[in-house]
mmCIF file of all heavy atoms, coordinates in Angstrom:
data_MODEL
# 
_entry.id   MODEL 
# 
loop_
_atom_site.group_PDB 
_atom_site.id 
_atom_site.type_symbol 
_atom_site.label_atom_id 
_atom_site.label_alt_id 
_atom_site.label_comp_id 
_atom_site.label_asym_id 
_atom_site.label_entity_id 
_atom_site.label_seq_id 
_atom_site.pdbx_PDB_ins_code 
_atom_site.Cartn_x 
_atom_site.Cartn_y 
_atom_site.Cartn_z 
_atom_site.occupancy 
_atom_site.B_iso_or_equiv 
_atom_site.pdbx_formal_charge 
_atom_site.auth_seq_id 
_atom_site.auth_comp_id 
_atom_site.auth_asym_id 
_atom_site.auth_atom_id 
_atom_site.pdbx_PDB_model_num 
ATOM 1   N N   . ASN A 1 1  ? 2.949   -4.639  -10.680 1.00 0.00 ? 1  ASN A N   1 
ATOM 2   C CA  . ASN A 1 1  ? 2.101   -4.133  -11.727 1.00 0.00 ? 1  ASN A CA  1 
ATOM 3   C C   . ASN A 1 1  ? 0.621   -4.625  -11.561 1.00 0.00 ? 1  ASN A C   1 
ATOM 4   O O   . ASN A 1 1  ? -0.357  -3.834  -11.693 1.00 0.00 ? 1  ASN A O   1 
ATOM 5   C CB  . ASN A 1 1  ? 2.574   -4.494  -13.145 1.00 0.00 ? 1  ASN A CB  1 
ATOM 6   C CG  . ASN A 1 1  ? 3.804   -3.783  -13.524 1.00 0.00 ? 1  ASN A CG  1 
ATOM 7   O OD1 . ASN A 1 1  ? 4.140   -2.731  -12.936 1.00 0.00 ? 1  ASN A OD1 1 
ATOM 8   N ND2 . ASN A 1 1  ? 4.600   -4.316  -14.393 1.00 0.00 ? 1  ASN A ND2 1 
ATOM 9   N N   . VAL A 1 2  ? 0.468   -5.863  -11.215 1.00 0.00 ? 2  VAL A N   1 
ATOM 10  C CA  . VAL A 1 2  ? -0.882  -6.407  -11.087 1.00 0.00 ? 2  VAL A CA  1 
ATOM 11  C C   . VAL A 1 2  ? -1.606  -5.800  -9.831  1.00 0.00 ? 2  VAL A C   1 
ATOM 12  O O   . VAL A 1 2  ? -2.738  -5.335  -9.910  1.00 0.00 ? 2  VAL A O   1 
ATOM 13  C CB  . VAL A 1 2  ? -0.853  -7.939  -10.901 1.00 0.00 ? 2  VAL A CB  1 
ATOM 14  C CG1 . VAL A 1 2  ? -2.157  -8.483  -10.420 1.00 0.00 ? 2  VAL A CG1 1 
ATOM 15  C CG2 . VAL A 1 2  ? -0.456  -8.588  -12.225 1.00 0.00 ? 2  VAL A CG2 1 
ATOM 16  N N   . ILE A 1 3  ? -0.872  -5.714  -8.698  1.00 0.00 ? 3  ILE A N   1 
ATOM 17  C CA  . ILE A 1 3  ? -1.451  -5.107  -7.491  1.00 0.00 ? 3  ILE A CA  1 
ATOM 18  C C   . ILE A 1 3  ? -1.789  -3.614  -7.715  1.00 0.00 ? 3  ILE A C   1 
ATOM 19  O O   . ILE A 1 3  ? -2.834  -3.115  -7.283  1.00 0.00 ? 3  ILE A O   1 
ATOM 20  C CB  . ILE A 1 3  ? -0.498  -5.283  -6.347  1.00 0.00 ? 3  ILE A CB  1 
ATOM 21  C CG1 . ILE A 1 3  ? -0.422  -6.772  -6.019  1.00 0.00 ? 3  ILE A CG1 1 
ATOM 22  C CG2 . ILE A 1 3  ? -1.074  -4.581  -5.132  1.00 0.00 ? 3  ILE A CG2 1 
ATOM 23  C CD1 . ILE A 1 3  ? 0.713   -7.096  -4.989  1.00 0.00 ? 3  ILE A CD1 1 
ATOM 24  N N   . HIS A 1 4  ? -0.903  -2.922  -8.444  1.00 0.00 ? 4  HIS A N   1 
ATOM 25  C CA  . HIS A 1 4  ? -1.183  -1.508  -8.743  1.00 0.00 ? 4  HIS A CA  1 
ATOM 26  C C   . HIS A 1 4  ? -2.406  -1.386  -9.629  1.00 0.00 ? 4  HIS A C   1 
ATOM 27  O O   . HIS A 1 4  ? -3.232  -0.436  -9.378  1.00 0.00 ? 4  HIS A O   1 
ATOM 28  C CB  . HIS A 1 4  ? 0.069   -0.905  -9.451  1.00 0.00 ? 4  HIS A CB  1 
ATOM 29  C CG  . HIS A 1 4  ? -0.080  0.600   -9.632  1.00 0.00 ? 4  HIS A CG  1 
ATOM 30  N ND1 . HIS A 1 4  ? -0.552  1.142   -10.801 1.00 0.00 ? 4  HIS A ND1 1 
ATOM 31  C CD2 . HIS A 1 4  ? 0.214   1.553   -8.819  1.00 0.00 ? 4  HIS A CD2 1 
ATOM 32  C CE1 . HIS A 1 4  ? -0.546  2.410   -10.653 1.00 0.00 ? 4  HIS A CE1 1 
ATOM 33  N NE2 . HIS A 1 4  ? -0.089  2.792   -9.477  1.00 0.00 ? 4  HIS A NE2 1 
ATOM 34  N N   . ASP A 1 5  ? -2.569  -2.248  -10.589 1.00 0.00 ? 5  ASP A N   1 
ATOM 35  C CA  . ASP A 1 5  ? -3.852  -2.196  -11.416 1.00 0.00 ? 5  ASP A CA  1 
ATOM 36  C C   . ASP A 1 5  ? -5.078  -2.473  -10.547 1.00 0.00 ? 5  ASP A C   1 
ATOM 37  O O   . ASP A 1 5  ? -6.087  -1.848  -10.758 1.00 0.00 ? 5  ASP A O   1 
ATOM 38  C CB  . ASP A 1 5  ? -3.765  -3.158  -12.495 1.00 0.00 ? 5  ASP A CB  1 
ATOM 39  C CG  . ASP A 1 5  ? -2.780  -2.781  -13.592 1.00 0.00 ? 5  ASP A CG  1 
ATOM 40  O OD1 . ASP A 1 5  ? -2.355  -1.613  -13.662 1.00 0.00 ? 5  ASP A OD1 1 
ATOM 41  O OD2 . ASP A 1 5  ? -2.438  -3.617  -14.476 1.00 0.00 ? 5  ASP A OD2 1 
ATOM 42  N N   . CYS A 1 6  ? -4.975  -3.399  -9.602  1.00 0.00 ? 6  CYS A N   1 
ATOM 43  C CA  . CYS A 1 6  ? -6.073  -3.620  -8.689  1.00 0.00 ? 6  CYS A CA  1 
ATOM 44  C C   . CYS A 1 6  ? -6.411  -2.427  -7.857  1.00 0.00 ? 6  CYS A C   1 
ATOM 45  O O   . CYS A 1 6  ? -7.563  -2.168  -7.611  1.00 0.00 ? 6  CYS A O   1 
ATOM 46  C CB  . CYS A 1 6  ? -5.787  -4.818  -7.753  1.00 0.00 ? 6  CYS A CB  1 
ATOM 47  S SG  . CYS A 1 6  ? -5.691  -6.469  -8.667  1.00 0.00 ? 6  CYS A SG  1 
ATOM 48  N N   . LEU A 1 7  ? -5.387  -1.807  -7.351  1.00 0.00 ? 7  LEU A N   1 
ATOM 49  C CA  . LEU A 1 7  ? -5.543  -0.573  -6.561  1.00 0.00 ? 7  LEU A CA  1 
ATOM 50  C C   . LEU A 1 7  ? -6.262  0.548   -7.369  1.00 0.00 ? 7  LEU A C   1 
ATOM 51  O O   . LEU A 1 7  ? -7.085  1.295   -6.880  1.00 0.00 ? 7  LEU A O   1 
ATOM 52  C CB  . LEU A 1 7  ? -4.230  -0.019  -6.004  1.00 0.00 ? 7  LEU A CB  1 
ATOM 53  C CG  . LEU A 1 7  ? -3.669  -0.816  -4.844  1.00 0.00 ? 7  LEU A CG  1 
ATOM 54  C CD1 . LEU A 1 7  ? -2.254  -0.411  -4.520  1.00 0.00 ? 7  LEU A CD1 1 
ATOM 55  C CD2 . LEU A 1 7  ? -4.520  -0.651  -3.608  1.00 0.00 ? 7  LEU A CD2 1 
ATOM 56  N N   . LEU A 1 8  ? -5.819  0.671   -8.647  1.00 0.00 ? 8  LEU A N   1 
ATOM 57  C CA  . LEU A 1 8  ? -6.583  1.620   -9.525  1.00 0.00 ? 8  LEU A CA  1 
ATOM 58  C C   . LEU A 1 8  ? -7.975  1.297   -9.694  1.00 0.00 ? 8  LEU A C   1 
ATOM 59  O O   . LEU A 1 8  ? -8.831  2.188   -9.792  1.00 0.00 ? 8  LEU A O   1 
ATOM 60  C CB  . LEU A 1 8  ? -5.792  1.737   -10.796 1.00 0.00 ? 8  LEU A CB  1 
ATOM 61  C CG  . LEU A 1 8  ? -4.382  2.337   -10.783 1.00 0.00 ? 8  LEU A CG  1 
ATOM 62  C CD1 . LEU A 1 8  ? -3.732  2.285   -12.192 1.00 0.00 ? 8  LEU A CD1 1 
ATOM 63  C CD2 . LEU A 1 8  ? -4.461  3.802   -10.274 1.00 0.00 ? 8  LEU A CD2 1 
ATOM 64  N N   . THR A 1 9  ? -8.282  0.044   -9.777  1.00 0.00 ? 9  THR A N   1 
ATOM 65  C CA  . THR A 1 9  ? -9.671  -0.490  -9.907  1.00 0.00 ? 9  THR A CA  1 
ATOM 66  C C   . THR A 1 9  ? -10.520 -0.114  -8.674  1.00 0.00 ? 9  THR A C   1 
ATOM 67  O O   . THR A 1 9  ? -11.692 0.377   -8.814  1.00 0.00 ? 9  THR A O   1 
ATOM 68  C CB  . THR A 1 9  ? -9.767  -1.983  -10.236 1.00 0.00 ? 9  THR A CB  1 
ATOM 69  O OG1 . THR A 1 9  ? -8.892  -2.252  -11.326 1.00 0.00 ? 9  THR A OG1 1 
ATOM 70  C CG2 . THR A 1 9  ? -11.085 -2.423  -10.434 1.00 0.00 ? 9  THR A CG2 1 
ATOM 71  N N   . HIS A 1 10 ? -9.907  -0.312  -7.515  1.00 0.00 ? 10 HIS A N   1 
ATOM 72  C CA  . HIS A 1 10 ? -10.662 -0.042  -6.263  1.00 0.00 ? 10 HIS A CA  1 
ATOM 73  C C   . HIS A 1 10 ? -10.702 1.364   -5.879  1.00 0.00 ? 10 HIS A C   1 
ATOM 74  O O   . HIS A 1 10 ? -11.452 1.778   -5.025  1.00 0.00 ? 10 HIS A O   1 
ATOM 75  C CB  . HIS A 1 10 ? -10.064 -0.846  -5.112  1.00 0.00 ? 10 HIS A CB  1 
ATOM 76  C CG  . HIS A 1 10 ? -10.292 -2.311  -5.240  1.00 0.00 ? 10 HIS A CG  1 
ATOM 77  N ND1 . HIS A 1 10 ? -11.586 -2.851  -5.161  1.00 0.00 ? 10 HIS A ND1 1 
ATOM 78  C CD2 . HIS A 1 10 ? -9.407  -3.385  -5.414  1.00 0.00 ? 10 HIS A CD2 1 
ATOM 79  C CE1 . HIS A 1 10 ? -11.459 -4.185  -5.320  1.00 0.00 ? 10 HIS A CE1 1 
ATOM 80  N NE2 . HIS A 1 10 ? -10.222 -4.541  -5.422  1.00 0.00 ? 10 HIS A NE2 1 
ATOM 81  N N   . GLY A 1 11 ? -9.819  2.278   -6.475  1.00 0.00 ? 11 GLY A N   1 
ATOM 82  C CA  . GLY A 1 11 ? -9.873  3.615   -6.185  1.00 0.00 ? 11 GLY A CA  1 
ATOM 83  C C   . GLY A 1 11 ? -9.156  3.950   -4.876  1.00 0.00 ? 11 GLY A C   1 
ATOM 84  O O   . GLY A 1 11 ? -8.340  3.177   -4.410  1.00 0.00 ? 11 GLY A O   1 
ATOM 85  N N   . HIS A 1 12 ? -9.505  4.975   -4.228  1.00 0.00 ? 12 HIS A N   1 
ATOM 86  C CA  . HIS A 1 12 ? -8.840  5.376   -2.996  1.00 0.00 ? 12 HIS A CA  1 
ATOM 87  C C   . HIS A 1 12 ? -9.068  4.517   -1.897  1.00 0.00 ? 12 HIS A C   1 
ATOM 88  O O   . HIS A 1 12 ? -8.289  4.517   -0.914  1.00 0.00 ? 12 HIS A O   1 
ATOM 89  C CB  . HIS A 1 12 ? -9.289  6.859   -2.624  1.00 0.00 ? 12 HIS A CB  1 
ATOM 90  C CG  . HIS A 1 12 ? -10.606 6.966   -2.151  1.00 0.00 ? 12 HIS A CG  1 
ATOM 91  N ND1 . HIS A 1 12 ? -11.733 7.035   -2.997  1.00 0.00 ? 12 HIS A ND1 1 
ATOM 92  C CD2 . HIS A 1 12 ? -11.080 7.070   -0.889  1.00 0.00 ? 12 HIS A CD2 1 
ATOM 93  C CE1 . HIS A 1 12 ? -12.860 7.115   -2.220  1.00 0.00 ? 12 HIS A CE1 1 
ATOM 94  N NE2 . HIS A 1 12 ? -12.458 7.111   -0.974  1.00 0.00 ? 12 HIS A NE2 1 
ATOM 95  N N   . ILE A 1 13 ? -10.073 3.674   -1.881  1.00 0.00 ? 13 ILE A N   1 
ATOM 96  C CA  . ILE A 1 13 ? -10.375 2.664   -0.840  1.00 0.00 ? 13 ILE A CA  1 
ATOM 97  C C   . ILE A 1 13 ? -9.259  1.642   -0.835  1.00 0.00 ? 13 ILE A C   1 
ATOM 98  O O   . ILE A 1 13 ? -8.889  1.121   0.298   1.00 0.00 ? 13 ILE A O   1 
ATOM 99  C CB  . ILE A 1 13 ? -11.736 2.006   -1.049  1.00 0.00 ? 13 ILE A CB  1 
ATOM 100 C CG1 . ILE A 1 13 ? -12.885 2.946   -0.757  1.00 0.00 ? 13 ILE A CG1 1 
ATOM 101 C CG2 . ILE A 1 13 ? -11.876 0.768   -0.244  1.00 0.00 ? 13 ILE A CG2 1 
ATOM 102 C CD1 . ILE A 1 13 ? -13.045 3.274   0.701   1.00 0.00 ? 13 ILE A CD1 1 
ATOM 103 N N   . GLY A 1 14 ? -8.657  1.267   -1.915  1.00 0.00 ? 14 GLY A N   1 
ATOM 104 C CA  . GLY A 1 14 ? -7.584  0.326   -2.027  1.00 0.00 ? 14 GLY A CA  1 
ATOM 105 C C   . GLY A 1 14 ? -6.368  0.729   -1.268  1.00 0.00 ? 14 GLY A C   1 
ATOM 106 O O   . GLY A 1 14 ? -5.591  -0.085  -0.768  1.00 0.00 ? 14 GLY A O   1 
ATOM 107 N N   . TYR A 1 15 ? -6.168  2.061   -1.126  1.00 0.00 ? 15 TYR A N   1 
ATOM 108 C CA  . TYR A 1 15 ? -4.927  2.498   -0.443  1.00 0.00 ? 15 TYR A CA  1 
ATOM 109 C C   . TYR A 1 15 ? -5.151  2.686   1.083   1.00 0.00 ? 15 TYR A C   1 
ATOM 110 O O   . TYR A 1 15 ? -4.159  2.968   1.729   1.00 0.00 ? 15 TYR A O   1 
ATOM 111 C CB  . TYR A 1 15 ? -4.548  3.900   -0.985  1.00 0.00 ? 15 TYR A CB  1 
ATOM 112 C CG  . TYR A 1 15 ? -3.957  3.785   -2.398  1.00 0.00 ? 15 TYR A CG  1 
ATOM 113 C CD1 . TYR A 1 15 ? -4.729  4.067   -3.520  1.00 0.00 ? 15 TYR A CD1 1 
ATOM 114 C CD2 . TYR A 1 15 ? -2.589  3.384   -2.516  1.00 0.00 ? 15 TYR A CD2 1 
ATOM 115 C CE1 . TYR A 1 15 ? -4.121  3.970   -4.805  1.00 0.00 ? 15 TYR A CE1 1 
ATOM 116 C CE2 . TYR A 1 15 ? -2.043  3.352   -3.813  1.00 0.00 ? 15 TYR A CE2 1 
ATOM 117 C CZ  . TYR A 1 15 ? -2.801  3.552   -4.854  1.00 0.00 ? 15 TYR A CZ  1 
ATOM 118 O OH  . TYR A 1 15 ? -2.263  3.520   -6.185  1.00 0.00 ? 15 TYR A OH  1 
ATOM 119 N N   . SER A 1 16 ? -6.322  2.428   1.642   1.00 0.00 ? 16 SER A N   1 
ATOM 120 C CA  . SER A 1 16 ? -6.555  2.533   3.033   1.00 0.00 ? 16 SER A CA  1 
ATOM 121 C C   . SER A 1 16 ? -5.952  1.289   3.753   1.00 0.00 ? 16 SER A C   1 
ATOM 122 O O   . SER A 1 16 ? -5.750  0.261   3.173   1.00 0.00 ? 16 SER A O   1 
ATOM 123 C CB  . SER A 1 16 ? -7.994  2.647   3.315   1.00 0.00 ? 16 SER A CB  1 
ATOM 124 O OG  . SER A 1 16 ? -8.672  1.362   3.079   1.00 0.00 ? 16 SER A OG  1 
ATOM 125 N N   . GLU A 1 17 ? -5.497  1.457   5.047   1.00 0.00 ? 17 GLU A N   1 
ATOM 126 C CA  . GLU A 1 17 ? -4.934  0.387   5.752   1.00 0.00 ? 17 GLU A CA  1 
ATOM 127 C C   . GLU A 1 17 ? -5.851  -0.747  6.099   1.00 0.00 ? 17 GLU A C   1 
ATOM 128 O O   . GLU A 1 17 ? -5.534  -1.812  6.437   1.00 0.00 ? 17 GLU A O   1 
ATOM 129 C CB  . GLU A 1 17 ? -4.262  0.925   7.059   1.00 0.00 ? 17 GLU A CB  1 
ATOM 130 C CG  . GLU A 1 17 ? -3.066  1.738   6.765   1.00 0.00 ? 17 GLU A CG  1 
ATOM 131 C CD  . GLU A 1 17 ? -2.404  2.246   8.050   1.00 0.00 ? 17 GLU A CD  1 
ATOM 132 O OE1 . GLU A 1 17 ? -2.825  1.814   9.155   1.00 0.00 ? 17 GLU A OE1 1 
ATOM 133 O OE2 . GLU A 1 17 ? -1.477  2.993   7.930   1.00 0.00 ? 17 GLU A OE2 1 
ATOM 134 N N   . ASP A 1 18 ? -7.157  -0.468  5.940   1.00 0.00 ? 18 ASP A N   1 
ATOM 135 C CA  . ASP A 1 18 ? -8.219  -1.494  6.243   1.00 0.00 ? 18 ASP A CA  1 
ATOM 136 C C   . ASP A 1 18 ? -8.273  -2.516  5.088   1.00 0.00 ? 18 ASP A C   1 
ATOM 137 O O   . ASP A 1 18 ? -8.757  -3.681  5.281   1.00 0.00 ? 18 ASP A O   1 
ATOM 138 C CB  . ASP A 1 18 ? -9.618  -0.882  6.436   1.00 0.00 ? 18 ASP A CB  1 
ATOM 139 C CG  . ASP A 1 18 ? -9.540  0.094   7.655   1.00 0.00 ? 18 ASP A CG  1 
ATOM 140 O OD1 . ASP A 1 18 ? -8.704  -0.199  8.561   1.00 0.00 ? 18 ASP A OD1 1 
ATOM 141 O OD2 . ASP A 1 18 ? -10.473 0.991   7.657   1.00 0.00 ? 18 ASP A OD2 1 
ATOM 142 N N   . HIS A 1 19 ? -7.844  -2.165  3.954   1.00 0.00 ? 19 HIS A N   1 
ATOM 143 C CA  . HIS A 1 19 ? -7.971  -2.998  2.697   1.00 0.00 ? 19 HIS A CA  1 
ATOM 144 C C   . HIS A 1 19 ? -6.691  -3.771  2.587   1.00 0.00 ? 19 HIS A C   1 
ATOM 145 O O   . HIS A 1 19 ? -5.581  -3.277  2.740   1.00 0.00 ? 19 HIS A O   1 
ATOM 146 C CB  . HIS A 1 19 ? -8.220  -2.129  1.486   1.00 0.00 ? 19 HIS A CB  1 
ATOM 147 C CG  . HIS A 1 19 ? -9.034  -2.855  0.419   1.00 0.00 ? 19 HIS A CG  1 
ATOM 148 N ND1 . HIS A 1 19 ? -8.409  -3.662  -0.449  1.00 0.00 ? 19 HIS A ND1 1 
ATOM 149 C CD2 . HIS A 1 19 ? -10.315 -2.853  0.190   1.00 0.00 ? 19 HIS A CD2 1 
ATOM 150 C CE1 . HIS A 1 19 ? -9.303  -4.101  -1.281  1.00 0.00 ? 19 HIS A CE1 1 
ATOM 151 N NE2 . HIS A 1 19 ? -10.541 -3.669  -0.898  1.00 0.00 ? 19 HIS A NE2 1 
ATOM 152 N N   . PRO A 1 20 ? -6.719  -5.083  2.255   1.00 0.00 ? 20 PRO A N   1 
ATOM 153 C CA  . PRO A 1 20 ? -5.539  -5.908  2.164   1.00 0.00 ? 20 PRO A CA  1 
ATOM 154 C C   . PRO A 1 20 ? -4.569  -5.565  0.991   1.00 0.00 ? 20 PRO A C   1 
ATOM 155 O O   . PRO A 1 20 ? -3.431  -5.892  0.972   1.00 0.00 ? 20 PRO A O   1 
ATOM 156 C CB  . PRO A 1 20 ? -6.025  -7.352  2.115   1.00 0.00 ? 20 PRO A CB  1 
ATOM 157 C CG  . PRO A 1 20 ? -7.426  -7.201  1.562   1.00 0.00 ? 20 PRO A CG  1 
ATOM 158 C CD  . PRO A 1 20 ? -7.963  -5.915  2.095   1.00 0.00 ? 20 PRO A CD  1 
ATOM 159 N N   . LEU A 1 21 ? -5.175  -4.867  0.017   1.00 0.00 ? 21 LEU A N   1 
ATOM 160 C CA  . LEU A 1 21 ? -4.319  -4.578  -1.157  1.00 0.00 ? 21 LEU A CA  1 
ATOM 161 C C   . LEU A 1 21 ? -3.155  -3.700  -0.827  1.00 0.00 ? 21 LEU A C   1 
ATOM 162 O O   . LEU A 1 21 ? -2.050  -3.795  -1.413  1.00 0.00 ? 21 LEU A O   1 
ATOM 163 C CB  . LEU A 1 21 ? -5.153  -3.951  -2.303  1.00 0.00 ? 21 LEU A CB  1 
ATOM 164 C CG  . LEU A 1 21 ? -6.009  -4.944  -3.035  1.00 0.00 ? 21 LEU A CG  1 
ATOM 165 C CD1 . LEU A 1 21 ? -6.884  -4.112  -4.035  1.00 0.00 ? 21 LEU A CD1 1 
ATOM 166 C CD2 . LEU A 1 21 ? -5.221  -5.936  -3.791  1.00 0.00 ? 21 LEU A CD2 1 
ATOM 167 N N   . GLU A 1 22 ? -3.393  -2.735  0.119   1.00 0.00 ? 22 GLU A N   1 
ATOM 168 C CA  . GLU A 1 22 ? -2.346  -1.906  0.532   1.00 0.00 ? 22 GLU A CA  1 
ATOM 169 C C   . GLU A 1 22 ? -1.104  -2.592  1.075   1.00 0.00 ? 22 GLU A C   1 
ATOM 170 O O   . GLU A 1 22 ? 0.012   -2.335  0.744   1.00 0.00 ? 22 GLU A O   1 
ATOM 171 C CB  . GLU A 1 22 ? -2.925  -0.796  1.478   1.00 0.00 ? 22 GLU A CB  1 
ATOM 172 C CG  . GLU A 1 22 ? -1.925  0.194   1.910   1.00 0.00 ? 22 GLU A CG  1 
ATOM 173 C CD  . GLU A 1 22 ? -1.278  -0.064  3.182   1.00 0.00 ? 22 GLU A CD  1 
ATOM 174 O OE1 . GLU A 1 22 ? -1.759  -0.899  3.964   1.00 0.00 ? 22 GLU A OE1 1 
ATOM 175 O OE2 . GLU A 1 22 ? -0.236  0.550   3.481   1.00 0.00 ? 22 GLU A OE2 1 
ATOM 176 N N   . GLY A 1 23 ? -1.379  -3.560  1.909   1.00 0.00 ? 23 GLY A N   1 
ATOM 177 C CA  . GLY A 1 23 ? -0.341  -4.314  2.514   1.00 0.00 ? 23 GLY A CA  1 
ATOM 178 C C   . GLY A 1 23 ? 0.340   -5.213  1.400   1.00 0.00 ? 23 GLY A C   1 
ATOM 179 O O   . GLY A 1 23 ? 1.560   -5.416  1.479   1.00 0.00 ? 23 GLY A O   1 
ATOM 180 N N   . ARG A 1 24 ? -0.376  -5.800  0.517   1.00 0.00 ? 24 ARG A N   1 
ATOM 181 C CA  . ARG A 1 24 ? 0.196   -6.611  -0.563  1.00 0.00 ? 24 ARG A CA  1 
ATOM 182 C C   . ARG A 1 24 ? 1.170   -5.754  -1.400  1.00 0.00 ? 24 ARG A C   1 
ATOM 183 O O   . ARG A 1 24 ? 2.241   -6.274  -1.779  1.00 0.00 ? 24 ARG A O   1 
ATOM 184 C CB  . ARG A 1 24 ? -0.860  -7.206  -1.469  1.00 0.00 ? 24 ARG A CB  1 
ATOM 185 C CG  . ARG A 1 24 ? -1.903  -8.050  -0.762  1.00 0.00 ? 24 ARG A CG  1 
ATOM 186 C CD  . ARG A 1 24 ? -1.209  -9.376  -0.178  1.00 0.00 ? 24 ARG A CD  1 
ATOM 187 N NE  . ARG A 1 24 ? -2.197  -10.185 0.378   1.00 0.00 ? 24 ARG A NE  1 
ATOM 188 C CZ  . ARG A 1 24 ? -2.331  -10.270 1.742   1.00 0.00 ? 24 ARG A CZ  1 
ATOM 189 N NH1 . ARG A 1 24 ? -1.592  -9.505  2.515   1.00 0.00 ? 24 ARG A NH1 1 
ATOM 190 N NH2 . ARG A 1 24 ? -3.264  -11.046 2.262   1.00 0.00 ? 24 ARG A NH2 1 
ATOM 191 N N   . LEU A 1 25 ? 0.763   -4.531  -1.699  1.00 0.00 ? 25 LEU A N   1 
ATOM 192 C CA  . LEU A 1 25 ? 1.625   -3.655  -2.481  1.00 0.00 ? 25 LEU A CA  1 
ATOM 193 C C   . LEU A 1 25 ? 2.999   -3.390  -1.738  1.00 0.00 ? 25 LEU A C   1 
ATOM 194 O O   . LEU A 1 25 ? 4.047   -3.528  -2.329  1.00 0.00 ? 25 LEU A O   1 
ATOM 195 C CB  . LEU A 1 25 ? 0.978   -2.316  -2.790  1.00 0.00 ? 25 LEU A CB  1 
ATOM 196 C CG  . LEU A 1 25 ? 1.784   -1.385  -3.677  1.00 0.00 ? 25 LEU A CG  1 
ATOM 197 C CD1 . LEU A 1 25 ? 2.013   -2.046  -5.078  1.00 0.00 ? 25 LEU A CD1 1 
ATOM 198 C CD2 . LEU A 1 25 ? 1.087   -0.095  -3.862  1.00 0.00 ? 25 LEU A CD2 1 
ATOM 199 N N   . ARG A 1 26 ? 2.888   -3.113  -0.454  1.00 0.00 ? 26 ARG A N   1 
ATOM 200 C CA  . ARG A 1 26 ? 4.107   -2.881  0.390   1.00 0.00 ? 26 ARG A CA  1 
ATOM 201 C C   . ARG A 1 26 ? 4.990   -4.162  0.372   1.00 0.00 ? 26 ARG A C   1 
ATOM 202 O O   . ARG A 1 26 ? 6.232   -4.076  0.260   1.00 0.00 ? 26 ARG A O   1 
ATOM 203 C CB  . ARG A 1 26 ? 3.766   -2.449  1.794   1.00 0.00 ? 26 ARG A CB  1 
ATOM 204 C CG  . ARG A 1 26 ? 3.451   -1.033  1.870   1.00 0.00 ? 26 ARG A CG  1 
ATOM 205 C CD  . ARG A 1 26 ? 3.319   -0.616  3.372   1.00 0.00 ? 26 ARG A CD  1 
ATOM 206 N NE  . ARG A 1 26 ? 2.028   -1.037  3.892   1.00 0.00 ? 26 ARG A NE  1 
ATOM 207 C CZ  . ARG A 1 26 ? 1.944   -1.832  4.979   1.00 0.00 ? 26 ARG A CZ  1 
ATOM 208 N NH1 . ARG A 1 26 ? 2.949   -2.261  5.621   1.00 0.00 ? 26 ARG A NH1 1 
ATOM 209 N NH2 . ARG A 1 26 ? 0.757   -2.220  5.386   1.00 0.00 ? 26 ARG A NH2 1 
# 
């Protein structure tokens, strides 16, 4: 839930493989 909220804050950039949040969510 926390990582998903961070991704929503960062927008579509958060879902790119260059950003560490995408890996943390996986």
